[in-house]
């Protein structure tokens, strides 16, 4: 066991230098797998401390009873220590590999739980990854059982952080399953005052949200179907396929990789319009895609024509993933006054799973939500919205339609100011990157033969009132009914969805990385 322990300690040391030591995680992974192998060799199948105890007791029948008991206790302690080390080795291995190989990560957490079923952390991470990979209701039920066990064990052990993580995940699961009353009880205990409305969080299983009448003012959220010509769509789907080099070379799913995007300069709008209208025979490079999205977006928001720069990024998310509430912004000249794009856009390259995008009327200046718009995903749909508005992505509720299902999106923000993001041209010039070329292998344009982009049906964007976006969870329904007895009618008020006492973390957050979302984040 000492050899395995030494390997574990060396792996921990390597991980502490991973930010500066290239390849540290790979070496740590190798050491952990070796250490697990060493322990397994020392504990062959069928071995149990009890069997060894009986054998030794027969061999030393003449020894003093107290000496035998001492030996038995020592051997039992050694067996428990070996199990604890085995559980820790599998746990750490799972944390390293789950982002690049969820199936191996799940196997590691399963082994950690088998070694230490009474450990809160083992139950938490097994439940979390079971949920993340769930493609059946049975897997969802198993995930819930592990999360409940994690919360119970952590509470008994006084592990506050583990208890918080398990309770928050459980509350989110219950909300998405339509069990709002139980979720609210947990959230009250955690000190939250508001959360997503249960019908909104469980959109896939609850009744559809009722559409509100469209106001006379232009909507800040718009949707177009058949947004990209077929050749462009095929090109982008190849470049951002599940096994594309873009994800791998940018370490997309790694916990150590933060938000990243790329910037392009834009030509005069008339130039982009002419190119889109004539279906230029030039190769379909990434600039052509960006300019096409620009021209289509201008049909809904003419003000975007004055954009001089665009910034793009992409996501490939599993069914259970959402994105926390946030603003698209860059720091302004004055503190507390960030700059926003003219509009932000979402192009759905595939919409096999996941939930809709929620855009609210909260801005940095007004500080509260009084209404919102729910934009539903569909393949080759383009969503545009005012770049100053607070927004989020709701995760899909329940099990994924399949283990391989993904929600692949291509986001473009159009700026009048220079956002100062990394230049795509710099990435394209690097010899060690192959992914930029994947965006420029689409062949010739066939735009003139395609269906023109068209406004999506009204059902694509649903207008929501504040009461359809969030619920007060600070008191039970019984107390709420008593409050309704007041003769004085309360004036509807808005809510600051960025407040740390509001529970809107239906994002990857702790589900994806085991880390609670930062409620104070106000950028991407």
Protein backbone atom coordinates (compact mmCIF):
# COMPACT_ATOMS: atom_id res chain seq x y z
CA UNK A 1 0.00 0.00 0.00
CA UNK A 2 2.92 2.34 0.67
CA UNK A 3 3.95 2.21 -2.98
CA UNK A 4 0.43 3.14 -4.13
CA UNK A 5 0.31 5.94 -1.55
CA UNK A 6 3.62 7.35 -2.83
CA UNK A 7 2.24 7.37 -6.38
CA UNK A 8 -0.90 9.14 -5.20
CA UNK A 9 1.09 11.83 -3.40
CA UNK A 10 3.26 12.36 -6.48
CA UNK A 11 0.14 12.69 -8.66
CA UNK A 12 -1.32 15.30 -6.27
CA UNK A 13 1.93 17.25 -6.45
CA UNK A 14 1.85 17.20 -10.25
CA UNK A 15 -1.73 18.46 -10.33
CA UNK A 16 -0.76 21.40 -8.15
CA UNK A 17 1.66 22.49 -10.91
CA UNK A 18 -0.69 21.75 -13.82
CA UNK A 19 -1.22 25.44 -14.68
CA UNK A 20 2.49 25.89 -15.39
CA UNK A 21 3.69 22.36 -16.11
CA UNK A 22 2.61 21.11 -19.53
CA UNK A 23 1.57 17.47 -19.42
CA UNK A 24 1.22 17.36 -15.63
CA UNK A 25 -2.36 16.07 -15.78
CA UNK A 26 -1.42 13.32 -18.23
CA UNK A 27 1.43 12.18 -15.98
CA UNK A 28 -0.82 12.34 -12.91
CA UNK A 29 -3.43 10.23 -14.72
CA UNK A 30 -0.78 7.61 -15.51
CA UNK A 31 0.42 7.50 -11.89
CA UNK A 32 -3.10 7.13 -10.52
CA UNK A 33 -3.86 4.23 -12.87
CA UNK A 34 -0.60 2.56 -11.83
CA UNK A 35 -1.40 3.06 -8.15
CA UNK A 36 -4.84 1.48 -8.64
CA UNK A 37 -3.16 -1.48 -10.33
CA UNK A 38 -0.72 -1.87 -7.42
CA UNK A 39 -3.57 -1.93 -4.89
CA UNK A 40 -5.52 -4.46 -6.93
CA UNK A 41 -2.48 -6.77 -7.04
CA UNK A 42 -2.14 -6.55 -3.29
CA UNK A 43 -5.84 -7.32 -2.80
CA UNK A 44 -6.70 -10.21 -5.15
CA UNK A 45 -10.34 -11.04 -5.87
CA UNK A 46 -11.98 -12.98 -3.07
CA UNK A 47 -9.61 -11.65 -0.42
CA UNK A 48 -11.20 -10.33 2.71
CA UNK A 49 -9.69 -9.27 6.04
CA UNK A 50 -12.11 -11.64 7.79
CA UNK A 51 -10.72 -14.71 5.92
CA UNK A 52 -7.16 -13.75 6.84
CA UNK A 53 -8.16 -13.21 10.45
CA UNK A 54 -9.60 -16.73 10.74
CA UNK A 55 -6.56 -18.32 9.14
CA UNK A 56 -4.16 -16.53 11.43
CA UNK A 57 -6.30 -17.35 14.44
CA UNK A 58 -6.02 -21.08 13.66
CA UNK A 59 -2.23 -20.84 13.20
CA UNK A 60 -1.77 -19.04 16.51
CA UNK A 61 -4.27 -20.95 18.63
CA UNK A 62 -1.81 -21.00 21.50
CA UNK A 63 -1.26 -17.25 21.49
CA UNK A 64 -2.74 -14.95 24.03
CA UNK A 65 -6.32 -13.84 23.11
CA UNK A 66 -5.45 -10.18 23.52
CA UNK A 67 -2.53 -10.48 21.07
CA UNK A 68 -4.83 -12.06 18.50
CA UNK A 69 -7.37 -9.30 18.90
CA UNK A 70 -4.65 -6.68 18.47
CA UNK A 71 -3.49 -8.32 15.24
CA UNK A 72 -7.05 -8.52 13.98
CA UNK A 73 -7.63 -4.83 14.72
CA UNK A 74 -4.39 -3.85 12.98
CA UNK A 75 -5.25 -5.88 9.89
CA UNK A 76 -8.78 -4.47 9.82
CA UNK A 77 -7.37 -0.95 10.03
CA UNK A 78 -4.98 -1.72 7.18
CA UNK A 79 -7.87 -3.04 5.08
CA UNK A 80 -9.93 0.08 5.77
CA UNK A 81 -6.99 2.32 4.89
CA UNK A 82 -6.49 0.44 1.64
CA UNK A 83 -10.16 0.89 0.76
CA UNK A 84 -9.97 4.60 1.58
CA UNK A 85 -6.89 4.98 -0.62
CA UNK A 86 -8.54 3.02 -3.42
CA UNK A 87 -11.58 5.28 -3.23
CA UNK A 88 -9.44 8.41 -3.28
CA UNK A 89 -7.40 7.17 -6.27
CA UNK A 90 -10.54 6.50 -8.31
CA UNK A 91 -12.08 9.80 -7.19
CA UNK A 92 -9.09 11.87 -8.28
CA UNK A 93 -8.78 9.94 -11.53
CA UNK A 94 -12.43 10.66 -12.28
CA UNK A 95 -11.94 14.39 -11.71
CA UNK A 96 -9.04 14.43 -14.19
CA UNK A 97 -10.60 12.43 -17.01
CA UNK A 98 -14.35 13.12 -16.92
CA UNK A 99 -14.16 16.20 -19.12
CA UNK A 100 -12.44 14.31 -21.95
CA UNK A 101 -13.92 10.84 -21.43
CA UNK A 102 -17.19 10.88 -19.44
CA UNK A 103 -17.62 7.10 -19.69
CA UNK A 104 -14.24 6.45 -18.07
CA UNK A 105 -15.01 9.15 -15.53
CA UNK A 106 -18.27 7.43 -14.66
CA UNK A 107 -16.45 4.11 -14.25
CA UNK A 108 -13.93 5.79 -11.93
CA UNK A 109 -16.65 7.34 -9.75
CA UNK A 110 -18.51 4.01 -9.66
CA UNK A 111 -15.33 2.32 -8.39
CA UNK A 112 -14.81 5.10 -5.82
CA UNK A 113 -18.36 4.58 -4.57
CA UNK A 114 -17.88 0.79 -4.40
CA UNK A 115 -14.76 1.30 -2.29
CA UNK A 116 -16.37 3.89 0.00
CA UNK A 117 -20.17 3.84 -0.28
CA UNK A 118 -20.45 5.91 2.88
CA UNK A 119 -18.39 8.80 1.53
CA UNK A 120 -20.37 11.92 0.62
CA UNK A 121 -17.97 12.99 -2.15
CA UNK A 122 -18.18 9.60 -3.86
CA UNK A 123 -21.98 9.74 -3.88
CA UNK A 124 -22.00 13.38 -5.05
CA UNK A 125 -19.74 12.91 -8.06
CA UNK A 126 -21.27 9.60 -9.06
CA UNK A 127 -24.74 11.17 -8.91
CA UNK A 128 -23.58 14.27 -10.77
CA UNK A 129 -22.01 12.37 -13.67
CA UNK A 130 -24.85 9.82 -13.81
CA UNK A 131 -27.17 12.78 -14.37
CA UNK A 132 -24.87 14.35 -16.93
CA UNK A 133 -24.74 11.13 -18.97
CA UNK A 134 -28.34 10.02 -18.33
CA UNK A 135 -30.23 8.80 -21.39
CA UNK A 136 -32.95 6.96 -19.46
CA UNK A 137 -35.30 7.61 -16.56
CA UNK A 138 -33.62 4.77 -14.65
CA UNK A 139 -30.31 6.64 -14.81
CA UNK A 140 -32.04 9.81 -13.62
CA UNK A 141 -33.52 7.90 -10.65
CA UNK A 142 -30.10 6.46 -9.81
CA UNK A 143 -28.56 9.94 -9.95
CA UNK A 144 -31.22 11.31 -7.62
CA UNK A 145 -30.62 8.49 -5.13
CA UNK A 146 -26.90 9.22 -5.04
CA UNK A 147 -27.46 12.97 -4.57
CA UNK A 148 -29.86 12.35 -1.68
CA UNK A 149 -27.34 9.99 -0.10
CA UNK A 150 -24.57 12.55 -0.55
CA UNK A 151 -26.64 15.24 1.17
CA UNK A 152 -27.51 12.93 4.09
CA UNK A 153 -23.91 11.78 4.63
CA UNK A 154 -22.42 15.26 4.27
CA UNK A 155 -24.99 16.63 6.71
CA UNK A 156 -24.17 13.92 9.27
CA UNK A 157 -20.41 14.45 8.82
CA UNK A 158 -20.63 18.24 9.13
CA UNK A 159 -19.30 18.64 5.57
CA UNK A 160 -20.95 21.97 4.76
CA UNK A 161 -19.52 22.37 1.27
CA UNK A 162 -20.48 18.84 0.23
CA UNK A 163 -23.94 19.29 1.70
CA UNK A 164 -24.45 22.57 -0.19
CA UNK A 165 -23.33 21.05 -3.49
CA UNK A 166 -25.59 18.01 -3.10
CA UNK A 167 -28.59 20.08 -2.00
CA UNK A 168 -28.24 22.59 -4.84
CA UNK A 169 -27.99 19.84 -7.43
CA UNK A 170 -30.96 18.04 -5.89
CA UNK A 171 -33.02 21.25 -5.87
CA UNK A 172 -32.22 21.82 -9.53
CA UNK A 173 -33.19 18.24 -10.42
CA UNK A 174 -36.48 18.57 -8.57
CA UNK A 175 -37.29 21.90 -10.25
CA UNK A 176 -36.65 20.43 -13.67
CA UNK A 177 -38.83 17.44 -12.82
CA UNK A 178 -41.75 19.68 -11.85
CA UNK A 179 -41.45 18.98 -8.11
CA UNK A 180 -41.35 22.63 -7.17
CA UNK A 181 -42.65 22.37 -3.59
CA UNK A 182 -39.86 20.00 -2.52
CA UNK A 183 -37.25 22.05 -4.39
CA UNK A 184 -38.44 25.24 -2.73
CA UNK A 185 -38.16 23.65 0.71
CA UNK A 186 -34.49 22.85 0.04
CA UNK A 187 -33.81 26.29 -1.41
CA UNK A 188 -35.33 28.03 1.62
CA UNK A 189 -33.04 26.02 3.88
CA UNK A 190 -30.09 27.15 1.73
CA UNK A 191 -31.11 30.80 2.12
CA UNK A 192 -32.43 31.46 -1.40
CA UNK A 193 -35.41 33.74 -1.93
CA UNK A 194 -36.26 33.17 -5.61
CA UNK A 195 -35.80 30.58 -8.34
CA UNK A 196 -36.89 29.87 -11.89
CA UNK A 197 -40.61 29.21 -12.07
CA UNK A 198 -41.20 25.46 -11.86
CA UNK A 199 -43.12 25.36 -15.16
CA UNK A 200 -40.28 27.17 -16.88
CA UNK A 201 -37.51 25.01 -15.39
CA UNK A 202 -39.41 21.82 -16.31
CA UNK A 203 -40.44 23.06 -19.74
CA UNK A 204 -40.07 19.71 -21.44
CA UNK A 205 -42.33 17.88 -18.99
CA UNK A 206 -44.79 20.55 -17.84
CA UNK A 207 -47.53 22.24 -19.84
CA UNK A 208 -46.28 24.82 -22.40
CA UNK A 209 -45.90 28.36 -21.13
CA UNK A 210 -48.83 30.51 -22.27
CA UNK A 211 -47.85 33.06 -24.88
CA UNK A 212 -48.38 36.68 -23.90
CA UNK A 213 -49.81 39.21 -26.37
CA UNK A 214 -47.05 40.85 -28.39
CA UNK A 215 -46.61 44.50 -27.44
CA UNK A 216 -46.72 47.30 -29.99
CA UNK A 217 -42.99 47.93 -29.50
CA UNK A 218 -40.56 45.89 -31.62
CA UNK A 219 -39.42 42.77 -29.81
CA UNK A 220 -35.75 42.76 -28.73
CA UNK A 221 -35.67 39.04 -29.59
CA UNK A 222 -36.17 37.76 -33.14
CA UNK A 223 -35.93 34.39 -34.86
CA UNK A 224 -35.24 33.30 -38.45
CA UNK A 225 -35.52 29.80 -39.90
CA UNK A 226 -33.50 28.45 -42.84
CA UNK A 227 -30.95 30.99 -41.64
CA UNK A 228 -27.87 29.53 -43.35
CA UNK A 229 -27.69 28.26 -46.94
CA UNK A 230 -27.27 24.50 -47.10
CA UNK A 231 -23.58 24.67 -48.03
CA UNK A 232 -22.80 27.02 -45.14
CA UNK A 233 -24.73 24.89 -42.68
CA UNK A 234 -22.93 21.74 -43.82
CA UNK A 235 -19.58 23.52 -43.59
CA UNK A 236 -20.22 24.74 -40.04
CA UNK A 237 -21.54 21.38 -38.89
CA UNK A 238 -18.37 19.70 -40.16
CA UNK A 239 -16.12 22.27 -38.52
CA UNK A 240 -17.97 21.93 -35.20
CA UNK A 241 -18.81 18.22 -35.27
CA UNK A 242 -18.51 16.34 -32.00
CA UNK A 243 -15.04 15.00 -32.90
CA UNK A 244 -13.84 18.21 -34.61
CA UNK A 245 -10.34 19.48 -33.90
CA UNK A 246 -11.81 22.82 -32.74
CA UNK A 247 -12.94 21.32 -29.43
CA UNK A 248 -9.82 19.23 -28.92
CA UNK A 249 -7.20 21.85 -29.79
CA UNK A 250 -8.91 24.52 -27.68
CA UNK A 251 -9.37 22.08 -24.72
CA UNK A 252 -13.02 23.04 -24.81
CA UNK A 253 -14.39 20.91 -21.96
CA UNK A 254 -11.39 21.16 -19.66
CA UNK A 255 -12.06 22.70 -16.22
CA UNK A 256 -8.92 24.76 -16.79
CA UNK A 257 -10.29 26.38 -19.96
CA UNK A 258 -12.33 29.51 -19.49
CA UNK A 259 -14.39 31.41 -22.03
CA UNK A 260 -12.65 32.00 -25.37
CA UNK A 261 -13.73 33.72 -28.57
CA UNK A 262 -12.31 35.09 -31.81
CA UNK A 263 -12.63 38.45 -33.51
CA UNK A 264 -13.01 39.57 -37.14
CA UNK A 265 -13.21 42.98 -38.74
CA UNK A 266 -16.25 43.68 -40.87
CA UNK A 267 -16.36 45.34 -44.31
CA UNK A 268 -18.87 48.09 -45.12
CA UNK A 269 -22.37 46.66 -44.77
CA UNK A 270 -23.14 47.27 -48.46
CA UNK A 271 -20.25 44.97 -49.40
CA UNK A 272 -21.61 42.17 -47.23
CA UNK A 273 -25.11 42.71 -48.63
CA UNK A 274 -23.87 42.48 -52.21
CA UNK A 275 -21.96 39.29 -51.49
CA UNK A 276 -25.00 37.66 -49.87
CA UNK A 277 -27.33 38.77 -52.68
CA UNK A 278 -25.19 37.59 -55.58
CA UNK A 279 -24.10 34.27 -54.08
CA UNK A 280 -20.46 35.00 -54.83
CA UNK A 281 -18.46 32.16 -56.34
CA UNK A 282 -15.69 32.79 -53.81
CA UNK A 283 -14.96 29.94 -51.36
CA UNK A 284 -17.27 29.76 -48.36
CA UNK A 285 -14.80 30.89 -45.73
CA UNK A 286 -15.70 31.85 -42.18
CA UNK A 287 -15.97 35.54 -43.10
CA UNK A 288 -18.71 34.64 -45.57
CA UNK A 289 -20.67 32.88 -42.82
CA UNK A 290 -20.28 35.78 -40.40
CA UNK A 291 -21.32 38.34 -43.00
CA UNK A 292 -24.33 36.26 -43.99
CA UNK A 293 -25.51 36.18 -40.35
CA UNK A 294 -24.92 39.94 -40.20
CA UNK A 295 -27.09 40.61 -43.24
CA UNK A 296 -29.92 38.36 -42.05
CA UNK A 297 -29.85 39.92 -38.56
CA UNK A 298 -30.15 43.40 -40.03
CA UNK A 299 -33.62 42.52 -41.33
CA UNK A 300 -34.79 42.58 -37.70
CA UNK A 301 -32.33 45.13 -36.27
CA UNK A 302 -31.24 47.71 -38.89
CA UNK A 303 -28.97 49.37 -36.28
CA UNK A 304 -26.56 46.43 -36.55
CA UNK A 305 -25.48 47.74 -39.96
CA UNK A 306 -23.11 50.13 -38.19
CA UNK A 307 -21.12 47.25 -36.66
CA UNK A 308 -17.40 47.31 -37.42
CA UNK A 309 -16.34 44.13 -35.65
CA UNK A 310 -17.80 40.76 -34.85
CA UNK A 311 -16.83 38.24 -32.22
CA UNK A 312 -17.75 34.56 -32.34
CA UNK A 313 -17.61 31.51 -30.12
CA UNK A 314 -19.24 28.09 -30.10
CA UNK A 315 -20.71 25.53 -27.73
CA UNK A 316 -21.42 21.82 -27.93
CA UNK A 317 -23.55 20.91 -24.92
CA UNK A 318 -25.23 17.81 -23.59
CA UNK A 319 -28.94 17.74 -22.77
CA UNK A 320 -28.51 18.58 -19.08
CA UNK A 321 -26.34 21.64 -19.74
CA UNK A 322 -27.58 25.19 -19.64
CA UNK A 323 -25.77 28.48 -19.14
CA UNK A 324 -25.97 30.75 -16.13
CA UNK A 325 -27.57 34.20 -16.34
CA UNK A 326 -25.04 36.66 -17.74
CA UNK A 327 -24.45 39.78 -19.82
CA UNK A 328 -22.39 39.88 -23.01
CA UNK A 329 -20.02 42.71 -22.21
CA UNK A 330 -16.51 44.12 -22.09
CA UNK A 331 -15.18 46.63 -19.54
CA UNK A 332 -15.98 50.25 -20.33
CA UNK A 333 -13.97 53.34 -19.54
CA UNK A 334 -15.83 53.80 -16.26
CA UNK A 335 -16.18 51.19 -13.55
CA UNK A 336 -19.64 49.65 -13.49
CA UNK A 337 -20.42 50.83 -17.01
CA UNK A 338 -19.50 47.95 -19.33
CA UNK A 339 -19.93 48.05 -23.09
CA UNK A 340 -22.28 45.65 -24.89
CA UNK A 341 -22.55 44.46 -28.49
CA UNK A 342 -25.27 45.99 -30.66
CA UNK A 343 -26.83 42.54 -30.87
CA UNK A 344 -25.87 39.01 -29.95
CA UNK A 345 -26.92 36.08 -32.13
CA UNK A 346 -27.27 32.31 -31.78
CA UNK A 347 -27.18 29.97 -34.76
CA UNK A 348 -28.40 26.48 -33.97
CA UNK A 349 -26.29 24.06 -36.01
CA UNK A 350 -28.02 21.14 -34.32
CA UNK A 351 -30.82 21.11 -31.76
CA UNK A 352 -30.96 17.45 -30.81
CA UNK A 353 -31.39 18.17 -27.11
CA UNK A 354 -31.21 20.86 -24.44
CA UNK A 355 -33.52 23.71 -23.62
CA UNK A 356 -34.44 27.18 -24.88
CA UNK A 357 -32.65 30.50 -24.43
CA UNK A 358 -34.20 32.94 -21.98
CA UNK A 359 -33.65 36.65 -22.66
CA UNK A 360 -34.87 39.10 -20.02
CA UNK A 361 -35.36 42.86 -19.93
CA UNK A 362 -32.81 43.28 -17.13
CA UNK A 363 -29.88 45.55 -17.99
CA UNK A 364 -26.92 46.85 -16.01
CA UNK A 365 -28.78 50.15 -15.59
CA UNK A 366 -32.29 49.01 -14.64
CA UNK A 367 -31.09 46.10 -12.49
CA UNK A 368 -34.24 43.97 -12.57
CA UNK A 369 -36.35 41.58 -14.61
CA UNK A 370 -39.99 42.44 -15.29
CA UNK A 371 -40.48 40.36 -18.46
CA UNK A 372 -38.65 38.03 -20.79
CA UNK A 373 -38.63 36.12 -24.06
CA UNK A 374 -38.16 32.40 -24.45
CA UNK A 375 -36.42 31.48 -27.73
CA UNK A 376 -36.81 27.81 -28.65
CA UNK A 377 -34.04 25.94 -30.46
CA UNK A 378 -34.40 24.39 -33.91
CA UNK A 379 -31.74 23.29 -36.37
CA UNK A 380 -30.68 26.13 -38.71
CA UNK A 381 -32.58 28.70 -36.65
CA UNK A 382 -30.99 32.11 -35.96
CA UNK A 383 -31.90 34.01 -32.79
CA UNK A 384 -30.99 37.69 -32.44
CA UNK A 385 -31.38 39.82 -29.32
CA UNK A 386 -30.35 43.16 -27.84
CA UNK A 387 -26.77 42.74 -26.65
CA UNK A 388 -27.35 44.67 -23.41
CA UNK A 389 -29.94 42.22 -22.02
CA UNK A 390 -29.38 39.61 -19.31
CA UNK A 391 -29.87 36.11 -20.66
CA UNK A 392 -29.32 32.43 -19.96
CA UNK A 393 -29.83 28.99 -21.46
CA UNK A 394 -32.19 26.55 -19.76
CA UNK A 395 -31.05 22.92 -19.70
CA UNK A 396 -33.13 20.10 -21.05
CA UNK A 397 -35.32 18.46 -18.42
CA UNK A 398 -35.29 14.74 -17.74
CA UNK A 399 -33.11 12.20 -19.51
CA UNK A 400 -31.36 12.98 -22.79
CA UNK A 401 -32.99 11.64 -25.98
CA UNK A 402 -29.73 9.72 -26.58
CA UNK A 403 -26.26 9.51 -25.10
CA UNK A 404 -24.74 11.19 -28.17
CA UNK A 405 -27.27 14.04 -28.48
CA UNK A 406 -25.77 17.53 -28.55
CA UNK A 407 -26.97 21.13 -28.74
CA UNK A 408 -24.38 22.76 -31.02
CA UNK A 409 -24.52 26.53 -31.31
CA UNK A 410 -22.49 29.22 -33.05
CA UNK A 411 -22.71 32.62 -31.38
CA UNK A 412 -21.81 35.93 -33.02
CA UNK A 413 -21.82 39.32 -31.29
CA UNK A 414 -21.70 42.42 -33.50
CA UNK A 415 -19.81 45.39 -32.08
CA UNK A 416 -19.38 49.03 -32.97
CA UNK A 417 -16.49 49.22 -30.50
CA UNK A 418 -13.41 47.02 -30.78
CA UNK A 419 -13.95 44.13 -28.29
CA UNK A 420 -10.21 43.34 -28.32
CA UNK A 421 -10.63 39.57 -28.52
CA UNK A 422 -8.02 37.19 -30.01
CA UNK A 423 -7.91 37.55 -33.78
CA UNK A 424 -8.98 34.63 -35.94
CA UNK A 425 -6.25 35.54 -38.39
CA UNK A 426 -3.65 34.90 -35.67
CA UNK A 427 -5.11 31.45 -34.95
CA UNK A 428 -5.15 30.68 -38.68
CA UNK A 429 -1.46 31.59 -38.96
CA UNK A 430 -0.35 29.13 -36.27
CA UNK A 431 1.29 25.93 -37.55
CA UNK A 432 0.23 23.93 -34.48
CA UNK A 433 -3.51 24.49 -35.04
CA UNK A 434 -5.52 22.61 -37.65
CA UNK A 435 -9.04 23.71 -36.71
CA UNK A 436 -9.07 27.11 -38.53
CA UNK A 437 -8.76 25.33 -41.87
CA UNK A 438 -11.87 23.28 -41.06
CA UNK A 439 -13.97 26.45 -41.38
CA UNK A 440 -12.68 27.12 -44.88
CA UNK A 441 -13.33 23.86 -46.69
CA UNK A 442 -16.94 24.37 -47.64
CA UNK A 443 -16.47 24.61 -51.41
CA UNK A 444 -18.40 27.01 -53.60
CA UNK A 445 -21.44 28.99 -52.50
CA UNK A 446 -24.88 27.78 -53.56
CA UNK A 447 -26.81 30.54 -51.82
CA UNK A 448 -28.86 31.45 -54.92
CA UNK A 449 -30.33 27.93 -55.00
CA UNK A 450 -31.38 27.93 -51.35
CA UNK A 451 -34.53 28.88 -49.56
CA UNK A 452 -34.30 32.45 -48.33
CA UNK A 453 -34.07 33.02 -44.57
CA UNK A 454 -37.56 33.64 -43.22
CA UNK A 455 -39.10 34.81 -39.99
CA UNK A 456 -39.70 31.87 -37.68
CA UNK A 457 -43.28 31.16 -36.56
CA UNK A 458 -44.58 33.01 -33.51
CA UNK A 459 -44.12 29.91 -31.37
CA UNK A 460 -40.33 30.27 -31.78
CA UNK A 461 -40.25 33.20 -29.34
CA UNK A 462 -42.64 33.36 -26.40
CA UNK A 463 -43.16 36.57 -24.45
CA UNK A 464 -43.17 35.93 -20.68
CA UNK A 465 -44.34 37.92 -17.70
CA UNK A 466 -42.22 38.13 -14.55
CA UNK A 467 -44.44 35.59 -12.78
CA UNK A 468 -43.68 33.07 -15.53
CA UNK A 469 -39.93 33.53 -15.14
CA UNK A 470 -39.34 33.37 -11.40
CA UNK A 471 -41.06 32.31 -8.19
CA UNK A 472 -40.71 33.49 -4.60
CA UNK A 473 -39.44 30.48 -2.62
CA UNK A 474 -38.87 32.30 0.68
CA UNK A 475 -42.12 31.03 2.20
CA UNK A 476 -44.39 28.03 1.79
CA UNK A 477 -47.61 28.05 -0.24
CA UNK A 478 -49.63 28.13 3.01
CA UNK A 479 -48.02 31.40 4.06
CA UNK A 480 -48.42 32.80 0.56
CA UNK A 481 -52.16 32.14 0.66
CA UNK A 482 -52.41 34.06 3.93
CA UNK A 483 -50.61 36.97 2.32
CA UNK A 484 -53.16 37.03 -0.51
CA UNK A 485 -55.83 37.90 2.03
CA UNK A 486 -54.50 41.45 2.33
CA UNK A 487 -56.94 44.00 0.95
CA UNK A 488 -54.17 46.17 -0.40
CA UNK A 489 -53.01 44.82 -3.72
CA UNK A 490 -49.24 44.72 -4.10
CA UNK A 491 -47.79 46.44 -7.11
CA UNK A 492 -45.87 43.99 -9.34
CA UNK A 493 -42.15 44.42 -8.85
CA UNK A 494 -39.13 43.24 -10.75
CA UNK A 495 -36.31 41.04 -9.54
CA UNK A 496 -32.54 41.29 -9.81
CA UNK A 497 -31.69 37.87 -11.22
CA UNK A 498 -28.00 38.48 -10.52
CA UNK A 499 -28.57 38.59 -6.76
CA UNK A 500 -26.65 35.87 -4.85
CA UNK A 501 -29.89 34.98 -3.03
CA UNK A 502 -31.63 33.97 -6.27
CA UNK A 503 -31.23 30.41 -7.51
CA UNK A 504 -30.80 30.55 -11.26
CA UNK A 505 -27.78 28.23 -11.58
CA UNK A 506 -29.38 25.81 -14.05
CA UNK A 507 -26.07 25.81 -15.91
CA UNK A 508 -23.18 23.37 -16.20
CA UNK A 509 -21.85 24.81 -12.92
CA UNK A 510 -21.60 22.11 -10.28
CA UNK A 511 -23.20 19.61 -12.63
CA UNK A 512 -20.38 19.94 -15.13
CA UNK A 513 -17.31 20.63 -13.04
CA UNK A 514 -18.19 20.19 -9.40
CA UNK A 515 -17.91 23.95 -8.84
CA UNK A 516 -20.76 26.24 -7.82
CA UNK A 517 -21.53 28.99 -10.33
CA UNK A 518 -20.32 32.47 -9.41
CA UNK A 519 -23.46 34.56 -8.76
CA UNK A 520 -21.50 37.79 -9.19
CA UNK A 521 -20.28 37.00 -12.71
CA UNK A 522 -21.46 39.60 -15.21
CA UNK A 523 -19.60 38.61 -18.34
CA UNK A 524 -20.05 35.64 -20.63
